[in-house]
Protein backbone atom coordinates (compact mmCIF):
# COMPACT_ATOMS: atom_id res chain seq x y z
CA MET A 1 77.02 21.18 0.73
CA PRO A 2 78.00 17.69 0.54
CA ARG A 3 77.06 15.29 -1.67
CA PHE A 4 75.58 11.63 -0.75
CA PHE A 5 75.02 8.61 -2.87
CA PHE A 6 72.27 6.01 -1.99
CA ASP A 7 73.25 2.89 -3.76
CA PHE A 8 69.89 0.31 -3.74
CA SER A 9 70.79 -3.61 -3.47
CA GLN A 10 67.97 -6.20 -3.91
CA GLY A 11 69.67 -9.62 -3.34
CA ALA A 12 72.19 -10.23 -6.24
CA ASP A 13 71.03 -6.83 -8.22
CA ARG A 14 72.85 -3.60 -7.45
CA ARG A 15 72.32 -0.15 -8.89
CA PRO A 16 74.47 2.15 -7.91
CA ASP A 17 73.56 6.25 -7.59
CA THR A 18 75.33 8.22 -10.02
CA GLU A 19 73.70 11.37 -9.30
CA GLY A 20 73.66 11.88 -5.71
CA ILE A 21 72.07 14.45 -3.45
CA GLU A 22 73.27 17.17 -1.30
CA PHE A 23 72.32 17.32 2.32
CA ALA A 24 73.99 19.54 4.91
CA SER A 25 75.20 16.23 7.47
CA VAL A 26 75.25 12.41 7.04
CA GLU A 27 72.46 12.20 9.84
CA GLN A 28 70.18 14.38 6.95
CA ALA A 29 71.30 11.57 4.31
CA TYR A 30 70.05 9.03 6.69
CA LEU A 31 67.29 10.48 7.62
CA GLU A 32 66.29 11.28 3.45
CA ALA A 33 67.07 7.25 3.16
CA VAL A 34 64.69 6.21 5.77
CA ARG A 35 61.63 8.47 4.21
CA ALA A 36 62.50 6.85 0.60
CA VAL A 37 62.32 3.27 2.46
CA GLN A 38 59.00 3.98 3.87
CA ASP A 39 57.81 5.45 0.14
CA MET A 40 58.87 2.09 -1.79
CA TRP A 41 57.82 -0.34 0.70
CA SER A 42 54.22 -0.19 -0.78
CA GLU A 43 55.50 -0.65 -4.16
CA PHE A 44 57.68 -3.36 -3.48
CA LEU A 45 54.55 -5.13 -1.97
CA ARG A 46 52.12 -3.87 -4.84
CA GLN A 47 54.92 -6.18 -7.61
CA ARG A 48 54.89 -8.99 -5.21
CA GLN A 49 58.53 -8.40 -4.48
CA ASP A 50 60.04 -8.87 -0.39
CA PRO A 51 61.54 -5.10 0.21
CA ARG A 52 63.24 -7.42 3.14
CA ARG A 53 65.79 -8.52 0.79
CA CYS A 54 66.63 -4.51 0.00
CA VAL A 55 69.48 -2.04 1.15
CA PHE A 56 70.49 1.65 0.88
CA GLU A 57 74.28 1.72 1.17
CA ILE A 58 74.93 5.47 2.00
CA CYS A 59 78.23 6.95 0.42
CA ASN A 60 79.91 9.85 0.56
CA ASP A 61 81.21 11.79 -2.70
CA GLN A 62 84.54 10.09 -2.63
CA HIS A 63 81.87 6.57 -2.91
CA GLU A 64 83.36 5.53 0.68
CA LEU A 65 80.66 3.68 2.37
CA LEU A 66 79.46 5.78 5.32
CA LEU A 67 75.83 3.80 6.69
CA VAL A 68 74.13 0.76 5.39
CA LEU A 69 70.45 0.63 5.63
CA PRO A 70 68.43 -2.50 5.24
CA PHE A 71 64.84 -1.96 4.36
CA ARG A 72 63.86 -4.61 7.13
CA GLU A 73 65.57 -2.57 10.13
CA VAL A 74 62.85 0.68 9.19
CA MET A 75 59.93 -1.69 8.83
CA ASP A 76 60.87 -3.71 12.17
CA SER A 77 61.25 -0.08 14.04
CA CYS A 78 57.50 0.32 13.09
CA THR A 79 56.44 -2.78 14.64
CA ASP A 80 54.58 -2.49 18.30
CA ARG A 81 56.80 -4.69 20.61
CA ASN A 82 54.18 -4.48 23.16
CA VAL A 83 51.22 -6.21 21.66
CA PRO A 84 51.18 -9.95 22.23
CA LEU A 85 51.05 -11.96 19.08
CA MET A 86 47.67 -13.68 17.52
CA ARG A 87 48.25 -17.43 18.51
CA ALA A 88 46.01 -19.82 16.00
CA LYS A 89 43.54 -21.55 17.98
CA VAL A 90 44.10 -25.47 17.41
């Protein structure tokens, strides 16, 4: 099974994944990264850090970049675009 690496960046702070995880496909690696973003989001908010500045870079076992997953993209996909925004009364 191929090994994928999830390098993490938060602004200028970059933390490479030195262990990696085996998945059957890049699609499965991507779905796992989405789940990790969802799990990490609330922890960042508790620490009063902006998770929208975070990114996973998914690389193969040659450390070639395959996908970039901005945390903001995962959270934006949860927004119901059919609900009108509340406007403050002036």
